[in-house]
Amino acid sequence: MDKQALDQPRIGKLEAGPLDSICDVGDISVGHCTLDDGALQTGVTVVRPHGGNLFLDKVPAAATVLNGFGKSTGLVQVQELGVLETPIALTNTFGVGTVANAQIRAAVAATPEIGRGMSTVNPLVFECNDGYLNDIQAMAVQESHYVQALAAADKRMAQGAVGAGRGMSCFSFKGGIGSASRVAAIQPGLRYTVGALVLANFGRLPNLTVAGRPFGRRLADQLD
């Protein structure tokens, strides 16, 4: 396990994978493109299930919406057909359409028959509103930023205020991109690795609970 993983707070008893991130699962890799220029604090993050052509080599997928109203695109087809045809992209709310266009162009470039002799492709983009820290009206995210994030996809993923997480806030603190993995031994000789990636952009300070401890409420009381 690398030093970065050891330095991060840890919850639970299960063993982590060697990277303690979603990249411990199969061939998954993650890349970011970060925009950091004055009032522009935003970016794009790409989760790539494998390094091949996802349109031709689809992977199983499912989605559950819990207390959410995101402006995502592509979610309905995932729910209906149960597969991914592009990498998963994360960005700010106003960047969804631009990143979806970039995904379509990348898929068509890799498979020119898309939309002609073959079916169309389902771009998959999720978002959070980073308007608190980013000038979201500037609509700074461009198609090239998706291309850069995709090209940067790597097993050694960066975490924190990078990519789509650059302008995020969480429980009144700086939010961003976080990830972890756990290895579950179901029975002797049978082990599964589960990974998670979070774009953290939610919560009020009094609701912050860490390992069952109400740190947020204590901090809020001190600030009153």
C-alpha atoms as a PDB file:
ATOM      1  CA  MET A   1       0.000   0.000   0.000  1.00  0.00           C
ATOM      2  CA  ASP A   2       1.400   3.446  -0.880  1.00  0.00           C
ATOM      3  CA  LYS A   3       2.054   6.252   1.601  1.00  0.00           C
ATOM      4  CA  GLN A   4      -0.894   8.320   0.380  1.00  0.00           C
ATOM      5  CA  ALA A   5      -3.296   5.520   1.253  1.00  0.00           C
ATOM      6  CA  LEU A   6      -1.708   5.073   4.705  1.00  0.00           C
ATOM      7  CA  ASP A   7      -2.066   8.790   5.479  1.00  0.00           C
ATOM      8  CA  GLN A   8      -5.800   8.879   4.748  1.00  0.00           C
ATOM      9  CA  PRO A   9      -8.392   8.376   7.517  1.00  0.00           C
ATOM     10  CA  ARG A  10      -9.641   4.803   7.551  1.00  0.00           C
ATOM     11  CA  ILE A  11     -13.055   3.453   8.502  1.00  0.00           C
ATOM     12  CA  GLY A  12     -13.953  -0.229   8.787  1.00  0.00           C
ATOM     13  CA  LYS A  13     -12.075  -3.460   9.394  1.00  0.00           C
ATOM     14  CA  LEU A  14     -11.845  -4.954   5.902  1.00  0.00           C
ATOM     15  CA  GLU A  15      -8.495  -4.984   4.149  1.00  0.00           C
ATOM     16  CA  ALA A  16      -7.982  -2.383   1.416  1.00  0.00           C
ATOM     17  CA  GLY A  17      -6.658  -3.180  -2.027  1.00  0.00           C
ATOM     18  CA  PRO A  18      -3.041  -2.241  -2.841  1.00  0.00           C
ATOM     19  CA  LEU A  19      -4.045   1.234  -4.105  1.00  0.00           C
ATOM     20  CA  ASP A  20      -7.012   1.733  -1.746  1.00  0.00           C
ATOM     21  CA  SER A  21      -9.003   3.178  -4.630  1.00  0.00           C
ATOM     22  CA  ILE A  22     -11.536   2.184  -7.267  1.00  0.00           C
ATOM     23  CA  CYS A  23      -8.564   1.386  -9.505  1.00  0.00           C
ATOM     24  CA  ASP A  24      -8.033  -1.822  -7.501  1.00  0.00           C
ATOM     25  CA  VAL A  25     -11.050  -3.231  -9.361  1.00  0.00           C
ATOM     26  CA  GLY A  26     -10.240  -4.934 -12.665  1.00  0.00           C
ATOM     27  CA  ASP A  27      -8.823  -2.670 -15.358  1.00  0.00           C
ATOM     28  CA  ILE A  28     -10.430   0.545 -14.067  1.00  0.00           C
ATOM     29  CA  SER A  29      -8.359   3.714 -14.360  1.00  0.00           C
ATOM     30  CA  VAL A  30      -9.172   7.346 -13.553  1.00  0.00           C
ATOM     31  CA  GLY A  31      -8.003  10.578 -15.150  1.00  0.00           C
ATOM     32  CA  HIS A  32      -8.528  14.271 -14.458  1.00  0.00           C
ATOM     33  CA  CYS A  33      -8.319  17.599 -16.243  1.00  0.00           C
ATOM     34  CA  THR A  34      -8.262  20.456 -13.731  1.00  0.00           C
ATOM     35  CA  LEU A  35      -9.059  24.102 -14.514  1.00  0.00           C
ATOM     36  CA  ASP A  36      -7.454  26.422 -11.963  1.00  0.00           C
ATOM     37  CA  ASP A  37      -7.455  30.014 -13.174  1.00  0.00           C
ATOM     38  CA  GLY A  38      -8.790  32.711 -10.883  1.00  0.00           C
ATOM     39  CA  ALA A  39     -12.579  32.473 -10.783  1.00  0.00           C
ATOM     40  CA  LEU A  40     -12.481  29.312 -12.890  1.00  0.00           C
ATOM     41  CA  GLN A  41     -12.153  26.379 -10.497  1.00  0.00           C
ATOM     42  CA  THR A  42     -13.631  23.328 -12.168  1.00  0.00           C
ATOM     43  CA  GLY A  43     -12.706  20.367 -14.363  1.00  0.00           C
ATOM     44  CA  VAL A  44     -13.475  16.925 -15.715  1.00  0.00           C
ATOM     45  CA  THR A  45     -12.890  13.465 -14.252  1.00  0.00           C
ATOM     46  CA  VAL A  46     -13.115  10.280 -16.307  1.00  0.00           C
ATOM     47  CA  VAL A  47     -13.561   6.737 -14.978  1.00  0.00           C
ATOM     48  CA  ARG A  48     -12.409   4.288 -17.638  1.00  0.00           C
ATOM     49  CA  PRO A  49     -13.596   0.679 -17.051  1.00  0.00           C
ATOM     50  CA  HIS A  50     -10.907  -0.700 -19.369  1.00  0.00           C
ATOM     51  CA  GLY A  51      -8.448   0.615 -21.938  1.00  0.00           C
ATOM     52  CA  GLY A  52     -10.203  -0.816 -24.988  1.00  0.00           C
ATOM     53  CA  ASN A  53     -13.173   0.232 -27.116  1.00  0.00           C
ATOM     54  CA  LEU A  54     -16.124   0.366 -24.734  1.00  0.00           C
ATOM     55  CA  PHE A  55     -18.692   0.606 -27.518  1.00  0.00           C
ATOM     56  CA  LEU A  56     -17.524  -2.729 -28.940  1.00  0.00           C
ATOM     57  CA  ASP A  57     -16.580  -4.284 -25.599  1.00  0.00           C
ATOM     58  CA  LYS A  58     -19.345  -3.124 -23.274  1.00  0.00           C
ATOM     59  CA  VAL A  59     -19.267  -3.754 -19.520  1.00  0.00           C
ATOM     60  CA  PRO A  60     -22.233  -4.486 -17.219  1.00  0.00           C
ATOM     61  CA  ALA A  61     -23.596  -1.495 -15.303  1.00  0.00           C
ATOM     62  CA  ALA A  62     -26.467  -0.485 -13.060  1.00  0.00           C
ATOM     63  CA  ALA A  63     -27.590   2.737 -11.404  1.00  0.00           C
ATOM     64  CA  THR A  64     -29.619   3.718  -8.365  1.00  0.00           C
ATOM     65  CA  VAL A  65     -30.786   7.255  -7.621  1.00  0.00           C
ATOM     66  CA  LEU A  66     -31.146   7.988  -3.893  1.00  0.00           C
ATOM     67  CA  ASN A  67     -32.415  11.431  -2.888  1.00  0.00           C
ATOM     68  CA  GLY A  68     -30.900  12.969  -5.997  1.00  0.00           C
ATOM     69  CA  PHE A  69     -31.944  15.262  -8.835  1.00  0.00           C
ATOM     70  CA  GLY A  70     -28.799  15.447 -10.934  1.00  0.00           C
ATOM     71  CA  LYS A  71     -28.695  16.775 -14.491  1.00  0.00           C
ATOM     72  CA  SER A  72     -26.944  13.667 -15.790  1.00  0.00           C
ATOM     73  CA  THR A  73     -27.173  12.343 -19.320  1.00  0.00           C
ATOM     74  CA  GLY A  74     -27.237   8.710 -20.413  1.00  0.00           C
ATOM     75  CA  LEU A  75     -28.635   7.325 -17.167  1.00  0.00           C
ATOM     76  CA  VAL A  76     -31.913   6.027 -18.619  1.00  0.00           C
ATOM     77  CA  GLN A  77     -30.171   3.767 -21.140  1.00  0.00           C
ATOM     78  CA  VAL A  78     -27.918   2.350 -18.437  1.00  0.00           C
ATOM     79  CA  GLN A  79     -30.990   1.539 -16.362  1.00  0.00           C
ATOM     80  CA  GLU A  80     -32.769  -0.054 -19.333  1.00  0.00           C
ATOM     81  CA  LEU A  81     -29.921  -1.965 -21.036  1.00  0.00           C
ATOM     82  CA  GLY A  82     -27.493  -2.483 -18.153  1.00  0.00           C
ATOM     83  CA  VAL A  83     -24.229  -1.695 -19.967  1.00  0.00           C
ATOM     84  CA  LEU A  84     -21.699   1.102 -20.401  1.00  0.00           C
ATOM     85  CA  GLU A  85     -20.783   2.239 -23.925  1.00  0.00           C
ATOM     86  CA  THR A  86     -18.454   5.100 -22.942  1.00  0.00           C
ATOM     87  CA  PRO A  87     -16.297   5.901 -19.926  1.00  0.00           C
ATOM     88  CA  ILE A  88     -18.082   7.598 -17.027  1.00  0.00           C
ATOM     89  CA  ALA A  89     -17.459  11.349 -17.005  1.00  0.00           C
ATOM     90  CA  LEU A  90     -17.915  13.773 -14.109  1.00  0.00           C
ATOM     91  CA  THR A  91     -18.003  17.561 -14.426  1.00  0.00           C
ATOM     92  CA  ASN A  92     -19.946  20.638 -13.321  1.00  0.00           C
ATOM     93  CA  THR A  93     -23.658  21.065 -14.026  1.00  0.00           C
ATOM     94  CA  PHE A  94     -23.270  23.385 -17.014  1.00  0.00           C
ATOM     95  CA  GLY A  95     -20.572  21.194 -18.598  1.00  0.00           C
ATOM     96  CA  VAL A  96     -22.718  18.086 -19.122  1.00  0.00           C
ATOM     97  CA  GLY A  97     -23.705  18.789 -22.742  1.00  0.00           C
ATOM     98  CA  THR A  98     -20.191  19.715 -23.786  1.00  0.00           C
ATOM     99  CA  VAL A  99     -18.668  16.602 -22.240  1.00  0.00           C
ATOM    100  CA  ALA A 100     -21.392  14.411 -23.782  1.00  0.00           C
ATOM    101  CA  ASN A 101     -20.493  15.817 -27.211  1.00  0.00           C
ATOM    102  CA  ALA A 102     -16.844  15.011 -26.541  1.00  0.00           C
ATOM    103  CA  GLN A 103     -17.739  11.435 -25.608  1.00  0.00           C
ATOM    104  CA  ILE A 104     -19.759  11.002 -28.797  1.00  0.00           C
ATOM    105  CA  ARG A 105     -16.935  12.381 -30.959  1.00  0.00           C
ATOM    106  CA  ALA A 106     -14.398  10.096 -29.271  1.00  0.00           C
ATOM    107  CA  ALA A 107     -16.620   7.042 -29.751  1.00  0.00           C
ATOM    108  CA  VAL A 108     -17.268   7.861 -33.431  1.00  0.00           C
ATOM    109  CA  ALA A 109     -13.561   8.404 -34.030  1.00  0.00           C
ATOM    110  CA  ALA A 110     -12.844   4.953 -32.582  1.00  0.00           C
ATOM    111  CA  THR A 111     -15.806   3.288 -34.346  1.00  0.00           C
ATOM    112  CA  PRO A 112     -16.841   5.238 -37.501  1.00  0.00           C
ATOM    113  CA  GLU A 113     -19.864   2.984 -38.088  1.00  0.00           C
ATOM    114  CA  ILE A 114     -21.654   4.418 -35.020  1.00  0.00           C
ATOM    115  CA  GLY A 115     -24.926   6.046 -36.042  1.00  0.00           C
ATOM    116  CA  ARG A 116     -24.673   4.727 -39.602  1.00  0.00           C
ATOM    117  CA  GLY A 117     -24.284   0.993 -40.000  1.00  0.00           C
ATOM    118  CA  MET A 118     -24.394   0.529 -36.215  1.00  0.00           C
ATOM    119  CA  SER A 119     -26.513   1.905 -33.388  1.00  0.00           C
ATOM    120  CA  THR A 120     -25.870   5.290 -31.812  1.00  0.00           C
ATOM    121  CA  VAL A 121     -23.704   5.590 -28.696  1.00  0.00           C
ATOM    122  CA  ASN A 122     -24.873   6.457 -25.189  1.00  0.00           C
ATOM    123  CA  PRO A 123     -22.681   9.155 -23.584  1.00  0.00           C
ATOM    124  CA  LEU A 124     -22.681   9.006 -19.791  1.00  0.00           C
ATOM    125  CA  VAL A 125     -22.014  12.197 -17.840  1.00  0.00           C
ATOM    126  CA  PHE A 126     -22.738  12.972 -14.201  1.00  0.00           C
ATOM    127  CA  GLU A 127     -22.511  16.373 -12.562  1.00  0.00           C
ATOM    128  CA  CYS A 128     -22.454  18.451  -9.399  1.00  0.00           C
ATOM    129  CA  ASN A 129     -22.945  22.180  -9.000  1.00  0.00           C
ATOM    130  CA  ASP A 130     -19.597  23.823  -8.185  1.00  0.00           C
ATOM    131  CA  GLY A 131     -21.010  27.368  -8.478  1.00  0.00           C
ATOM    132  CA  TYR A 132     -20.092  28.189  -4.869  1.00  0.00           C
ATOM    133  CA  LEU A 133     -16.358  28.126  -5.685  1.00  0.00           C
ATOM    134  CA  ASN A 134     -16.352  28.277  -9.490  1.00  0.00           C
ATOM    135  CA  ASP A 135     -17.762  30.834 -11.947  1.00  0.00           C
ATOM    136  CA  ILE A 136     -20.081  28.249 -13.419  1.00  0.00           C
ATOM    137  CA  GLN A 137     -21.711  30.807 -15.750  1.00  0.00           C
ATOM    138  CA  ALA A 138     -18.416  31.074 -17.619  1.00  0.00           C
ATOM    139  CA  MET A 139     -19.077  27.552 -18.946  1.00  0.00           C
ATOM    140  CA  ALA A 140     -15.328  26.993 -19.044  1.00  0.00           C
ATOM    141  CA  VAL A 141     -15.378  23.226 -19.627  1.00  0.00           C
ATOM    142  CA  GLN A 142     -14.547  22.412 -23.261  1.00  0.00           C
ATOM    143  CA  GLU A 143     -14.526  19.156 -25.219  1.00  0.00           C
ATOM    144  CA  SER A 144     -10.736  19.200 -25.135  1.00  0.00           C
ATOM    145  CA  HIS A 145     -10.828  18.919 -21.355  1.00  0.00           C
ATOM    146  CA  TYR A 146     -12.644  15.588 -21.599  1.00  0.00           C
ATOM    147  CA  VAL A 147     -10.038  14.399 -24.109  1.00  0.00           C
ATOM    148  CA  GLN A 148      -7.251  15.418 -21.714  1.00  0.00           C
ATOM    149  CA  ALA A 149      -8.872  13.680 -18.736  1.00  0.00           C
ATOM    150  CA  LEU A 150      -9.393  10.503 -20.764  1.00  0.00           C
ATOM    151  CA  ALA A 151      -5.777  10.515 -21.944  1.00  0.00           C
ATOM    152  CA  ALA A 152      -4.605  10.992 -18.344  1.00  0.00           C
ATOM    153  CA  ALA A 153      -6.477   7.926 -17.034  1.00  0.00           C
ATOM    154  CA  ASP A 154      -4.132   5.905 -14.858  1.00  0.00           C
ATOM    155  CA  LYS A 155      -4.184   3.361 -12.061  1.00  0.00           C
ATOM    156  CA  ARG A 156      -2.443   5.863  -9.768  1.00  0.00           C
ATOM    157  CA  MET A 157      -5.313   8.320  -9.619  1.00  0.00           C
ATOM    158  CA  ALA A 158      -5.055  11.725  -7.962  1.00  0.00           C
ATOM    159  CA  GLN A 159      -7.562  12.623  -5.256  1.00  0.00           C
ATOM    160  CA  GLY A 160      -8.758  15.862  -3.670  1.00  0.00           C
ATOM    161  CA  ALA A 161      -9.400  19.182  -5.420  1.00  0.00           C
ATOM    162  CA  VAL A 162      -8.712  17.797  -8.896  1.00  0.00           C
ATOM    163  CA  GLY A 163     -10.770  17.305 -12.043  1.00  0.00           C
ATOM    164  CA  ALA A 164     -14.494  17.538 -11.434  1.00  0.00           C
ATOM    165  CA  GLY A 165     -13.759  17.899  -7.719  1.00  0.00           C
ATOM    166  CA  ARG A 166     -11.838  21.149  -8.104  1.00  0.00           C
ATOM    167  CA  GLY A 167     -14.725  23.476  -7.235  1.00  0.00           C
ATOM    168  CA  MET A 168     -16.709  21.254  -4.904  1.00  0.00           C
ATOM    169  CA  SER A 169     -17.579  21.871  -1.250  1.00  0.00           C
ATOM    170  CA  CYS A 170     -18.745  19.354   1.348  1.00  0.00           C
ATOM    171  CA  PHE A 171     -20.103  19.895   4.875  1.00  0.00           C
ATOM    172  CA  SER A 172     -18.838  23.500   4.672  1.00  0.00           C
ATOM    173  CA  PHE A 173     -15.297  22.261   3.980  1.00  0.00           C
ATOM    174  CA  LYS A 174     -13.441  21.766   0.703  1.00  0.00           C
ATOM    175  CA  GLY A 175     -14.946  18.900  -1.247  1.00  0.00           C
ATOM    176  CA  GLY A 176     -13.540  16.989  -4.187  1.00  0.00           C
ATOM    177  CA  ILE A 177     -12.728  13.522  -5.496  1.00  0.00           C
ATOM    178  CA  GLY A 178     -12.170  10.638  -3.089  1.00  0.00           C
ATOM    179  CA  SER A 179     -11.821   6.901  -3.534  1.00  0.00           C
ATOM    180  CA  ALA A 180     -11.254   3.694  -1.580  1.00  0.00           C
ATOM    181  CA  SER A 181     -11.402  -0.070  -1.938  1.00  0.00           C
ATOM    182  CA  ARG A 182     -12.087  -3.033   0.324  1.00  0.00           C
ATOM    183  CA  VAL A 183     -11.401  -6.734  -0.141  1.00  0.00           C
ATOM    184  CA  ALA A 184     -14.108  -9.097   1.111  1.00  0.00           C
ATOM    185  CA  ALA A 185     -13.328 -12.761   1.720  1.00  0.00           C
ATOM    186  CA  ILE A 186     -16.634 -14.540   1.047  1.00  0.00           C
ATOM    187  CA  GLN A 187     -15.257 -18.013   1.715  1.00  0.00           C
ATOM    188  CA  PRO A 188     -11.831 -19.669   1.621  1.00  0.00           C
ATOM    189  CA  GLY A 189     -10.285 -18.971  -1.776  1.00  0.00           C
ATOM    190  CA  LEU A 190     -13.055 -16.586  -2.873  1.00  0.00           C
ATOM    191  CA  ARG A 191     -12.281 -12.876  -2.532  1.00  0.00           C
ATOM    192  CA  TYR A 192     -13.945  -9.844  -4.107  1.00  0.00           C
ATOM    193  CA  THR A 193     -12.600  -6.321  -4.375  1.00  0.00           C
ATOM    194  CA  VAL A 194     -15.157  -3.503  -4.124  1.00  0.00           C
ATOM    195  CA  GLY A 195     -14.152   0.036  -5.073  1.00  0.00           C
ATOM    196  CA  ALA A 196     -15.859   3.403  -4.727  1.00  0.00           C
ATOM    197  CA  LEU A 197     -15.266   6.860  -6.168  1.00  0.00           C
ATOM    198  CA  VAL A 198     -17.046   9.875  -4.690  1.00  0.00           C
ATOM    199  CA  LEU A 199     -17.508  13.376  -6.060  1.00  0.00           C
ATOM    200  CA  ALA A 200     -18.235  15.047  -2.705  1.00  0.00           C
ATOM    201  CA  ASN A 201     -20.425  18.144  -2.974  1.00  0.00           C
ATOM    202  CA  PHE A 202     -23.125  18.042  -0.315  1.00  0.00           C
ATOM    203  CA  GLY A 203     -24.002  18.449   3.332  1.00  0.00           C
ATOM    204  CA  ARG A 204     -24.290  21.004   6.110  1.00  0.00           C
ATOM    205  CA  LEU A 205     -21.602  21.246   8.786  1.00  0.00           C
ATOM    206  CA  PRO A 206     -23.802  20.077  11.716  1.00  0.00           C
ATOM    207  CA  ASN A 207     -24.506  16.807   9.843  1.00  0.00           C
ATOM    208  CA  LEU A 208     -20.841  15.822   9.447  1.00  0.00           C
ATOM    209  CA  THR A 209     -20.343  12.456  11.145  1.00  0.00           C
ATOM    210  CA  VAL A 210     -17.054  10.536  10.987  1.00  0.00           C
ATOM    211  CA  ALA A 211     -16.923   6.945  12.241  1.00  0.00           C
ATOM    212  CA  GLY A 212     -20.083   7.605  14.240  1.00  0.00           C
ATOM    213  CA  ARG A 213     -18.745  10.744  15.906  1.00  0.00           C
ATOM    214  CA  PRO A 214     -20.603  14.062  15.495  1.00  0.00           C
ATOM    215  CA  PHE A 215     -17.592  16.188  14.613  1.00  0.00           C
ATOM    216  CA  GLY A 216     -19.657  18.600  12.540  1.00  0.00           C
ATOM    217  CA  ARG A 217     -22.086  19.369  15.331  1.00  0.00           C
ATOM    218  CA  ARG A 218     -19.234  19.979  17.754  1.00  0.00           C
ATOM    219  CA  LEU A 219     -17.513  22.310  15.305  1.00  0.00           C
ATOM    220  CA  ALA A 220     -20.750  24.149  14.556  1.00  0.00           C
ATOM    221  CA  ASP A 221     -21.361  24.671  18.278  1.00  0.00           C
ATOM    222  CA  GLN A 222     -17.888  26.187  18.646  1.00  0.00           C
ATOM    223  CA  LEU A 223     -18.486  28.548  15.733  1.00  0.00           C
ATOM    224  CA  ASP A 224     -21.828  29.829  17.070  1.00  0.00           C
END
